[in-house]
Amino acid sequence: MEQKTITTSPVEAKQLESTYRVVRRSVDARQRDIKVNLTLLTDNSGRYVAIDAPLPRYSEPEFKQVNSSAPVVHIIGCGPAGLFAALTLLEHGIKPIIYERGKMVTERKRDIALLNRNELFNGESNYCFGEGGAGTFSDGKLFSRSKKRGNMQRVMELFHYFGAPDTILYEAHAHIGSDKLPRIIQNMRECILAHGGEIHFETKIESLSTFDFPLSTLILAIGHSAHDTYRMLAREGVAMEAKGFALGVRVEHPQTLINKLFYHNQPQAIVDLLGNASYSLVTQVNGHGVYSFCMCPGGHIVPAHVGFASQLTFCQFRYGRRVTPVGFGYGGIGLPRTDRAFSQSAWRFERPGSGAANAGFCRGTFIIHIACMFLSAGVSQFTFGRVATGTYRVMSASRISRF
């Protein structure tokens, strides 16, 4: 099989996609005359291959069977980092043992359903904690700005191997969907167990003294929401170094507005062919890099609370199909460790009260910078603090107060 790349109109692209095997797709909307770039499979004669033809095969992973005599590595956390660490260890004949404070994905669904009905919050099994981590129920996008963090295509291949759709192998901005990820995560777990690995759910590590093995064989894959675990590590004298982070706010738009700006007022028929638009913005304000990230063209906002009662956090729930009329984006400002504002980061981890006024002022300044970026991109109106009806899947204003 060979490949051929063409640039065509949205109408012709849709016809080709419904008939022939596409291996890469992207939309070029820089000009009013929108084009779609397609790479299609061809046979040796240069003719396009039918849509039901198999995709070019990648090398499937070869997981080794491990037993009690195999070397062991312990992993805290069963999110993306923990799962992929375990799979990589199995490829090298090393037995992974995972400890996860939350529940397996099937039981986690029930706890999230109770939270959605405002009946019960489980601090160890929610949108953030449990098998698969936060992304299982709160996102679904597969995208990284970094070009220096390993073989990203191999990550896509492994997701596909465990059940993700073919599109993640060729779309420019790959996306699985929070409605499909639970089954994929379950397949990963079953693979780990079938090859001799272990996963211990509802097992929270309260102290490093729990372990009777060298800590050099321990991987911490605890994510960014396990604040209590970070505090435990600090108490027990583990050396930790602060890193820069992005401080941001969520920006909510009617999806029709984003489609209008991105597709240059094209009629709805063309938008339907192309799909809802997303955006990526970047600028500099007062020496800070300001940028958009985690754009979600369709989905819901869900509560990502994990800690004490006075803390309230939200994240996105995005389906495989982009079904809601609102687009969600996040505007962020990268803060290096040396930035004076970095000292305000404590408000994310400590109970409100200490330094809250300074932190609030700092956040307000950043919001203004982020608003400037969106204004320059053509989003001409901002209403702070107001949300569109129906965008919060479980949290109306009154329910937020109750929560």
Protein backbone atom coordinates (compact mmCIF):
# COMPACT_ATOMS: atom_id res chain seq x y z
CA MET A 1 0.00 0.00 0.00
CA GLU A 2 1.04 3.57 -0.70
CA GLN A 3 -0.32 6.95 0.39
CA LYS A 4 -1.40 10.06 -1.49
CA THR A 5 -2.05 13.51 0.02
CA ILE A 6 -4.55 15.87 -1.57
CA THR A 7 -6.12 19.24 -0.73
CA THR A 8 -9.78 19.55 -1.55
CA SER A 9 -13.08 21.26 -0.67
CA PRO A 10 -15.17 20.26 2.37
CA VAL A 11 -17.87 18.77 0.13
CA GLU A 12 -15.48 16.61 -1.90
CA ALA A 13 -13.55 15.67 1.25
CA LYS A 14 -16.73 14.32 2.85
CA GLN A 15 -17.44 12.24 -0.23
CA LEU A 16 -13.91 10.83 -0.25
CA GLU A 17 -13.99 10.09 3.50
CA SER A 18 -17.22 8.14 3.15
CA THR A 19 -15.84 6.03 0.30
CA TYR A 20 -12.08 5.58 0.69
CA ARG A 21 -9.62 4.79 3.48
CA VAL A 22 -8.27 8.02 5.01
CA VAL A 23 -5.09 7.85 7.08
CA ARG A 24 -4.68 11.55 7.93
CA ARG A 25 -7.03 14.53 7.98
CA SER A 26 -6.72 18.23 8.86
CA VAL A 27 -8.69 21.41 8.11
CA ASP A 28 -7.00 24.54 6.75
CA ALA A 29 -9.29 27.47 7.61
CA ARG A 30 -6.73 30.25 7.37
CA GLN A 31 -8.47 31.67 4.30
CA ARG A 32 -12.16 32.09 3.55
CA ASP A 33 -11.86 29.36 0.92
CA ILE A 34 -11.57 26.51 3.44
CA LYS A 35 -9.64 23.43 2.41
CA VAL A 36 -9.38 19.93 3.83
CA ASN A 37 -6.08 18.06 3.65
CA LEU A 38 -6.51 14.32 3.26
CA THR A 39 -4.00 11.52 3.03
CA LEU A 40 -5.55 8.40 1.49
CA LEU A 41 -4.33 4.88 0.97
CA THR A 42 -3.70 3.82 -2.63
CA ASP A 43 -2.88 0.52 -4.25
CA ASN A 44 0.17 -0.07 -6.43
CA SER A 45 -1.70 1.41 -9.40
CA GLY A 46 -2.39 4.68 -7.57
CA ARG A 47 -6.11 4.01 -7.12
CA TYR A 48 -7.74 4.89 -3.82
CA VAL A 49 -8.39 1.95 -1.49
CA ALA A 50 -11.94 1.31 -0.20
CA ILE A 51 -12.95 2.57 3.23
CA ASP A 52 -13.16 -0.93 4.69
CA ALA A 53 -9.50 -1.63 3.90
CA PRO A 54 -7.34 -2.10 7.00
CA LEU A 55 -5.22 0.78 8.23
CA PRO A 56 -1.44 0.49 7.86
CA ARG A 57 -0.44 -1.73 10.74
CA TYR A 58 1.79 -0.56 13.52
CA SER A 59 3.88 -2.99 15.53
CA GLU A 60 1.60 -4.41 18.19
CA PRO A 61 2.97 -4.47 21.75
CA GLU A 62 4.52 -7.69 23.00
CA PHE A 63 3.71 -8.02 26.68
CA LYS A 64 5.69 -10.66 28.53
CA GLN A 65 4.17 -13.04 31.04
CA VAL A 66 5.66 -12.34 34.49
CA ASN A 67 5.58 -14.48 37.61
CA SER A 68 6.72 -14.34 41.23
CA SER A 69 10.38 -14.66 40.23
CA ALA A 70 10.31 -11.61 37.93
CA PRO A 71 11.74 -8.27 39.09
CA VAL A 72 9.06 -6.01 40.57
CA VAL A 73 8.33 -2.29 40.33
CA HIS A 74 5.61 -0.71 42.51
CA ILE A 75 3.44 2.09 41.15
CA ILE A 76 1.26 4.48 43.15
CA GLY A 77 -1.60 5.68 40.99
CA CYS A 78 -3.65 4.04 38.24
CA GLY A 79 -4.11 7.06 36.00
CA PRO A 80 -2.53 7.45 32.56
CA ALA A 81 1.02 7.61 33.92
CA GLY A 82 0.55 4.55 36.14
CA LEU A 83 -1.17 2.47 33.46
CA PHE A 84 1.37 3.24 30.74
CA ALA A 85 4.23 2.65 33.20
CA ALA A 86 2.77 -0.78 33.97
CA LEU A 87 2.36 -1.65 30.29
CA THR A 88 5.93 -0.56 29.53
CA LEU A 89 7.25 -2.67 32.41
CA LEU A 90 5.42 -5.73 31.07
CA GLU A 91 7.04 -5.20 27.66
CA HIS A 92 10.41 -5.52 29.45
CA GLY A 93 9.47 -8.54 31.57
CA ILE A 94 9.11 -6.61 34.83
CA LYS A 95 6.12 -7.19 37.11
CA PRO A 96 4.09 -4.05 37.91
CA ILE A 97 2.17 -3.75 41.17
CA ILE A 98 -0.20 -0.77 41.17
CA TYR A 99 -1.80 0.82 44.25
CA GLU A 100 -4.84 3.01 43.54
CA ARG A 101 -6.74 4.96 46.21
CA GLY A 102 -9.96 4.93 44.14
CA LYS A 103 -12.13 2.21 42.68
CA MET A 104 -12.12 0.35 39.39
CA VAL A 105 -13.89 2.13 36.58
CA THR A 106 -17.15 0.14 36.72
CA GLU A 107 -17.65 0.88 40.45
CA ARG A 108 -16.46 4.44 39.96
CA LYS A 109 -19.35 5.04 37.54
CA ARG A 110 -21.83 4.40 40.37
CA ASP A 111 -20.12 6.89 42.69
CA ILE A 112 -20.11 9.53 39.95
CA ALA A 113 -23.81 8.89 39.30
CA LEU A 114 -24.51 9.60 42.99
CA LEU A 115 -22.46 12.79 42.78
CA ASN A 116 -24.33 13.87 39.64
CA ARG A 117 -27.61 13.48 41.55
CA ASN A 118 -26.17 15.48 44.44
CA GLU A 119 -26.72 12.51 46.75
CA LEU A 120 -23.22 11.59 47.87
CA PHE A 121 -19.61 12.70 47.39
CA ASN A 122 -16.91 10.04 47.80
CA GLY A 123 -13.53 11.65 48.41
CA GLU A 124 -11.69 8.61 47.07
CA SER A 125 -13.91 7.76 44.08
CA ASN A 126 -15.00 10.71 41.94
CA TYR A 127 -14.18 12.54 38.71
CA CYS A 128 -10.48 12.77 39.71
CA PHE A 129 -9.67 9.62 41.70
CA GLY A 130 -10.07 6.05 40.53
CA GLU A 131 -9.01 3.77 37.71
CA GLY A 132 -7.88 5.77 34.67
CA GLY A 133 -7.50 9.03 36.60
CA ALA A 134 -9.26 12.30 35.82
CA GLY A 135 -9.26 11.88 32.05
CA THR A 136 -11.50 8.80 32.09
CA PHE A 137 -14.63 10.81 32.84
CA SER A 138 -13.59 14.42 32.31
CA ASP A 139 -11.92 14.80 28.96
CA GLY A 140 -10.98 12.47 26.15
CA LYS A 141 -8.68 14.64 24.05
CA LEU A 142 -5.26 13.31 23.06
CA PHE A 143 -3.08 16.30 22.36
CA SER A 144 0.28 17.60 23.51
CA ARG A 145 2.11 20.78 22.59
CA SER A 146 5.39 19.18 23.57
CA LYS A 147 7.57 17.67 20.86
CA LYS A 148 10.19 16.44 23.33
CA ARG A 149 8.34 13.99 25.56
CA GLY A 150 8.67 10.71 23.81
CA ASN A 151 6.91 8.91 21.01
CA MET A 152 3.41 10.44 20.97
CA GLN A 153 2.35 8.33 17.99
CA ARG A 154 3.10 5.20 19.99
CA VAL A 155 0.69 6.40 22.69
CA MET A 156 -2.02 6.74 20.03
CA GLU A 157 -1.24 3.24 18.76
CA LEU A 158 -1.56 1.73 22.23
CA PHE A 159 -4.90 3.45 22.81
CA HIS A 160 -6.03 2.07 19.44
CA TYR A 161 -4.74 -1.38 20.36
CA PHE A 162 -6.94 -1.32 23.47
CA GLY A 163 -10.07 -0.25 21.61
CA ALA A 164 -9.94 3.43 20.60
CA PRO A 165 -11.42 4.33 17.18
CA ASP A 166 -9.32 4.39 14.01
CA THR A 167 -9.58 8.21 13.84
CA ILE A 168 -7.04 8.74 16.63
CA LEU A 169 -4.36 7.37 14.32
CA TYR A 170 -4.81 10.05 11.69
CA GLU A 171 -6.74 13.09 12.93
CA ALA A 172 -4.62 16.18 13.56
CA HIS A 173 -6.21 16.70 17.00
CA ALA A 174 -7.05 13.20 18.15
CA HIS A 175 -9.99 12.67 20.48
CA ILE A 176 -11.55 9.56 22.03
CA GLY A 177 -14.40 10.81 24.22
CA SER A 178 -15.24 10.35 27.88
CA ASP A 179 -18.10 8.04 26.91
CA LYS A 180 -15.67 5.58 25.28
CA LEU A 181 -12.61 5.76 27.53
CA PRO A 182 -13.92 3.62 30.45
CA ARG A 183 -14.00 0.48 28.31
CA ILE A 184 -10.50 1.19 26.95
CA ILE A 185 -9.15 1.65 30.48
CA GLN A 186 -10.81 -1.59 31.53
CA ASN A 187 -9.10 -3.40 28.63
CA MET A 188 -5.73 -2.06 29.82
CA ARG A 189 -6.39 -3.34 33.34
CA GLU A 190 -7.39 -6.78 32.07
CA CYS A 191 -4.18 -6.95 30.01
CA ILE A 192 -2.01 -6.06 33.00
CA LEU A 193 -3.68 -8.69 35.18
CA ALA A 194 -3.63 -11.35 32.45
CA HIS A 195 0.15 -11.01 32.11
CA GLY A 196 0.85 -11.36 35.83
CA GLY A 197 0.68 -7.76 37.06
CA GLU A 198 -1.26 -6.71 40.15
CA ILE A 199 -3.64 -3.81 40.79
CA HIS A 200 -4.85 -3.04 44.33
CA PHE A 201 -7.85 -0.71 44.33
CA GLU A 202 -9.09 1.28 47.34
CA THR A 203 -5.54 1.23 48.69
CA LYS A 204 -4.38 4.65 49.81
CA ILE A 205 -0.71 5.04 50.72
CA GLU A 206 -0.57 6.97 54.00
CA SER A 207 3.20 6.66 54.55
CA LEU A 208 6.29 5.49 52.70
CA SER A 209 7.08 3.33 55.71
CA THR A 210 4.26 1.09 54.48
CA PHE A 211 6.68 -0.39 51.96
CA ASP A 212 9.33 -2.99 52.76
CA PHE A 213 11.19 -2.62 49.46
CA PRO A 214 13.76 -0.13 48.15
CA LEU A 215 12.12 3.14 47.12
CA SER A 216 14.28 3.03 43.99
CA THR A 217 11.71 0.51 42.69
CA LEU A 218 8.76 2.86 43.33
CA ILE A 219 7.05 5.03 40.70
CA LEU A 220 4.87 7.90 41.95
CA ALA A 221 2.12 8.42 39.37
CA ILE A 222 -0.22 10.33 41.67
CA GLY A 223 -1.34 13.16 39.38
CA HIS A 224 -1.84 16.75 40.46
CA SER A 225 -4.93 16.38 42.68
CA ALA A 226 -3.47 14.17 45.43
CA HIS A 227 -2.60 17.10 47.67
CA ASP A 228 -2.60 14.94 50.80
CA THR A 229 -0.01 12.62 49.27
CA TYR A 230 2.28 15.54 48.43
CA ARG A 231 1.97 16.76 52.01
CA MET A 232 2.82 13.27 53.26
CA LEU A 233 5.93 13.18 51.07
CA ALA A 234 7.00 16.57 52.43
CA ARG A 235 6.48 15.43 56.05
CA GLU A 236 8.60 12.35 55.44
CA GLY A 237 11.48 14.37 54.04
CA VAL A 238 11.23 13.51 50.36
CA ALA A 239 13.09 16.12 48.32
CA MET A 240 10.67 17.97 46.04
CA GLU A 241 11.26 20.84 43.67
CA ALA A 242 8.65 23.37 42.61
CA LYS A 243 7.95 23.59 38.90
CA GLY A 244 6.33 26.23 36.78
CA PHE A 245 2.62 25.88 36.22
CA ALA A 246 -0.18 27.48 34.24
CA LEU A 247 -2.74 29.59 36.08
CA GLY A 248 -5.91 29.97 34.07
CA VAL A 249 -9.64 30.51 33.86
CA ARG A 250 -12.35 28.74 31.93
CA VAL A 251 -13.84 30.64 29.00
CA GLU A 252 -17.28 29.69 27.73
CA HIS A 253 -18.59 30.59 24.29
CA PRO A 254 -21.60 29.74 22.14
CA GLN A 255 -20.18 27.15 19.76
CA THR A 256 -21.86 29.02 16.90
CA LEU A 257 -19.60 32.01 17.65
CA ILE A 258 -16.44 29.91 17.41
CA ASN A 259 -17.67 28.29 14.18
CA LYS A 260 -18.46 31.73 12.75
CA LEU A 261 -15.01 33.14 13.55
CA PHE A 262 -13.03 30.06 12.57
CA TYR A 263 -14.94 29.23 9.38
CA HIS A 264 -15.40 32.84 8.18
CA ASN A 265 -19.22 32.90 8.36
CA GLN A 266 -19.61 29.78 6.24
CA PRO A 267 -23.18 28.41 6.05
CA GLN A 268 -24.24 25.74 8.52
CA ALA A 269 -24.12 23.10 5.79
CA ILE A 270 -20.34 23.58 5.50
CA VAL A 271 -19.92 23.57 9.29
CA ASP A 272 -21.77 20.26 9.43
CA LEU A 273 -19.28 18.81 6.93
CA LEU A 274 -16.23 20.11 8.81
CA GLY A 275 -17.43 19.58 12.38
CA ASN A 276 -17.44 22.08 15.22
CA ALA A 277 -14.34 24.26 15.27
CA SER A 278 -11.78 24.55 18.03
CA TYR A 279 -9.11 27.20 18.43
CA SER A 280 -5.58 27.74 19.66
CA LEU A 281 -4.43 31.23 20.66
CA VAL A 282 -1.13 32.52 22.01
CA THR A 283 0.27 35.96 22.79
CA GLN A 284 2.56 37.87 25.16
CA VAL A 285 1.22 40.25 27.84
CA ASN A 286 3.61 42.12 30.14
CA GLY A 287 6.30 39.51 29.72
CA HIS A 288 3.99 36.55 30.35
CA GLY A 289 3.15 33.92 27.78
CA VAL A 290 -0.65 33.81 27.55
CA TYR A 291 -2.29 30.97 25.67
CA SER A 292 -5.43 28.93 25.29
CA PHE A 293 -5.51 25.23 26.01
CA CYS A 294 -7.90 22.32 26.42
CA MET A 295 -10.46 23.65 23.96
CA CYS A 296 -13.61 21.51 24.06
CA PRO A 297 -16.13 22.07 21.24
CA GLY A 298 -19.09 20.42 22.94
CA GLY A 299 -19.48 18.68 26.28
CA HIS A 300 -20.45 19.44 29.86
CA ILE A 301 -18.87 20.95 32.95
CA VAL A 302 -18.65 18.55 35.89
CA PRO A 303 -17.51 18.92 39.53
CA ALA A 304 -13.90 17.82 40.07
CA HIS A 305 -13.91 18.30 43.84
CA VAL A 306 -11.42 16.09 45.72
CA GLY A 307 -10.69 17.76 49.05
CA PHE A 308 -12.16 19.74 51.88
CA ALA A 309 -15.71 21.06 51.83
CA SER A 310 -14.80 24.69 51.04
CA GLN A 311 -12.95 23.76 47.86
CA LEU A 312 -14.84 23.62 44.56
CA THR A 313 -13.26 22.72 41.24
CA PHE A 314 -14.67 21.97 37.80
CA CYS A 315 -13.46 20.15 34.73
CA GLN A 316 -14.86 19.17 31.33
CA PHE A 317 -16.76 16.06 30.31
CA ARG A 318 -16.49 15.55 26.58
CA TYR A 319 -18.25 12.92 24.50
CA GLY A 320 -16.98 11.11 21.44
CA ARG A 321 -19.53 13.19 19.52
CA ARG A 322 -19.51 16.95 20.12
CA VAL A 323 -23.13 17.28 21.13
CA THR A 324 -23.70 20.46 23.18
CA PRO A 325 -24.20 24.02 21.87
CA VAL A 326 -21.42 25.51 23.98
CA GLY A 327 -17.66 25.49 23.44
CA PHE A 328 -15.35 25.52 26.45
CA GLY A 329 -11.81 26.79 26.43
CA TYR A 330 -9.21 27.65 29.03
CA GLY A 331 -6.94 30.65 28.93
CA GLY A 332 -3.72 30.21 30.85
CA ILE A 333 -0.57 32.09 31.80
CA GLY A 334 2.63 30.17 32.31
CA LEU A 335 4.31 31.02 35.61
CA PRO A 336 7.98 30.10 36.07
CA ARG A 337 9.23 29.22 39.54
CA THR A 338 10.95 32.58 39.85
CA ASP A 339 7.81 34.64 39.17
CA ARG A 340 6.63 36.75 42.08
CA ALA A 341 3.13 35.38 41.53
CA PHE A 342 4.36 31.85 42.10
CA SER A 343 4.18 32.43 45.85
CA GLN A 344 0.43 32.80 45.46
CA SER A 345 0.12 29.19 44.31
CA ALA A 346 -0.52 28.14 47.91
CA TRP A 347 -4.20 29.06 47.54
CA ARG A 348 -4.62 26.00 45.36
CA PHE A 349 -3.42 23.65 48.08
CA GLU A 350 -4.30 25.22 51.43
CA ARG A 351 -7.59 26.07 53.04
CA PRO A 352 -8.97 29.48 52.01
CA GLY A 353 -8.06 32.36 54.30
CA SER A 354 -4.28 32.50 54.29
CA GLY A 355 -3.25 35.09 51.72
CA ALA A 356 -6.64 34.86 50.02
CA ALA A 357 -6.85 38.58 49.29
CA ASN A 358 -3.47 38.65 47.55
CA ALA A 359 -4.27 35.49 45.62
CA GLY A 360 -7.60 36.94 44.49
CA PHE A 361 -5.92 40.11 43.25
CA CYS A 362 -3.33 38.03 41.43
CA ARG A 363 -6.00 35.92 39.70
CA GLY A 364 -7.92 39.03 38.72
CA THR A 365 -4.87 40.48 36.99
CA PHE A 366 -4.35 37.26 35.06
CA ILE A 367 -8.00 37.17 33.96
CA ILE A 368 -7.57 40.63 32.42
CA HIS A 369 -4.51 39.41 30.47
CA ILE A 370 -6.39 36.36 29.23
CA ALA A 371 -9.39 38.48 28.22
CA CYS A 372 -7.07 40.69 26.13
CA MET A 373 -5.93 37.62 24.19
CA PHE A 374 -9.50 36.58 23.33
CA LEU A 375 -10.53 40.16 22.49
CA SER A 376 -7.69 40.42 20.00
CA ALA A 377 -8.93 37.19 18.37
CA GLY A 378 -12.36 38.64 17.67
CA VAL A 379 -14.33 37.53 20.73
CA SER A 380 -15.78 40.97 21.41
CA GLN A 381 -17.78 40.54 24.62
CA PHE A 382 -17.07 39.19 28.07
CA THR A 383 -19.48 38.68 30.94
CA PHE A 384 -17.58 37.54 34.02
CA GLY A 385 -19.20 34.97 36.26
CA ARG A 386 -22.23 34.20 34.06
CA VAL A 387 -22.74 30.76 32.56
CA ALA A 388 -24.97 29.59 29.73
CA THR A 389 -28.06 27.56 30.59
CA GLY A 390 -27.50 23.82 30.45
CA THR A 391 -23.68 23.83 30.24
CA TYR A 392 -23.23 22.50 33.77
CA ARG A 393 -24.24 18.88 33.58
CA VAL A 394 -24.97 18.59 37.29
CA MET A 395 -24.28 21.97 38.88
CA SER A 396 -26.76 24.85 38.72
CA ALA A 397 -26.04 27.96 40.79
CA SER A 398 -28.24 26.71 43.62
CA ARG A 399 -26.63 23.28 43.56
CA ILE A 400 -23.17 24.84 43.66
CA SER A 401 -24.18 26.66 46.84
CA ARG A 402 -25.53 23.43 48.32
CA PHE A 403 -22.41 21.50 47.32
